[in-house]
Amino acid sequence: MPGFPGGINDLNVLADTLARRTGVMETGLFLGMTPEVLVGRAP
């Protein structure tokens, strides 16, 4: 099964490489975004 057997060394390079591929619309990699998420709920 294909994948990343040696791991991914640089996520930014991976995101750039995928984004440059013809037909790729989105990678699902949320890089450069805040590492914190606030979740609220109704009382």
Protein backbone atom coordinates (compact mmCIF):
# COMPACT_ATOMS: atom_id res chain seq x y z
CA MET A 1 0.00 0.00 0.00
CA PRO A 2 1.47 3.40 -0.97
CA GLY A 3 2.05 6.02 1.67
CA PHE A 4 4.90 7.64 3.51
CA PRO A 5 6.88 4.75 4.98
CA GLY A 6 9.79 7.03 5.98
CA GLY A 7 7.49 9.73 7.33
CA ILE A 8 7.01 13.28 6.06
CA ASN A 9 10.06 15.50 6.56
CA ASP A 10 8.55 18.85 5.58
CA LEU A 11 4.79 19.42 5.53
CA ASN A 12 5.12 22.73 3.71
CA VAL A 13 7.01 21.10 0.83
CA LEU A 14 4.38 18.36 0.68
CA ALA A 15 1.53 20.91 0.61
CA ASP A 16 3.27 22.90 -2.14
CA THR A 17 3.98 19.80 -4.20
CA LEU A 18 0.37 18.63 -3.95
CA ALA A 19 -1.02 22.09 -4.73
CA ARG A 20 1.02 22.22 -7.94
CA ARG A 21 -0.44 18.94 -9.22
CA THR A 22 -3.02 19.29 -11.94
CA GLY A 23 -6.49 18.57 -10.63
CA VAL A 24 -5.70 18.95 -6.94
CA MET A 25 -8.20 21.39 -5.47
CA GLU A 26 -7.37 21.13 -1.77
CA THR A 27 -4.95 19.13 0.36
CA GLY A 28 -6.71 19.14 3.72
CA LEU A 29 -3.46 20.25 5.35
CA PHE A 30 -4.18 23.22 7.58
CA LEU A 31 -0.66 24.59 7.86
CA GLY A 32 0.13 27.97 9.36
CA MET A 33 -3.15 28.14 11.22
CA THR A 34 -3.55 28.53 14.94
CA PRO A 35 -2.80 25.43 17.02
CA GLU A 36 -5.64 26.31 19.39
CA VAL A 37 -9.34 25.63 18.96
CA LEU A 38 -12.12 26.96 21.17
CA VAL A 39 -15.29 24.88 21.29
CA GLY A 40 -18.48 26.26 22.78
CA ARG A 41 -21.80 24.71 23.61
CA ALA A 42 -25.23 25.89 24.61
CA PRO A 43 -25.85 26.14 28.37
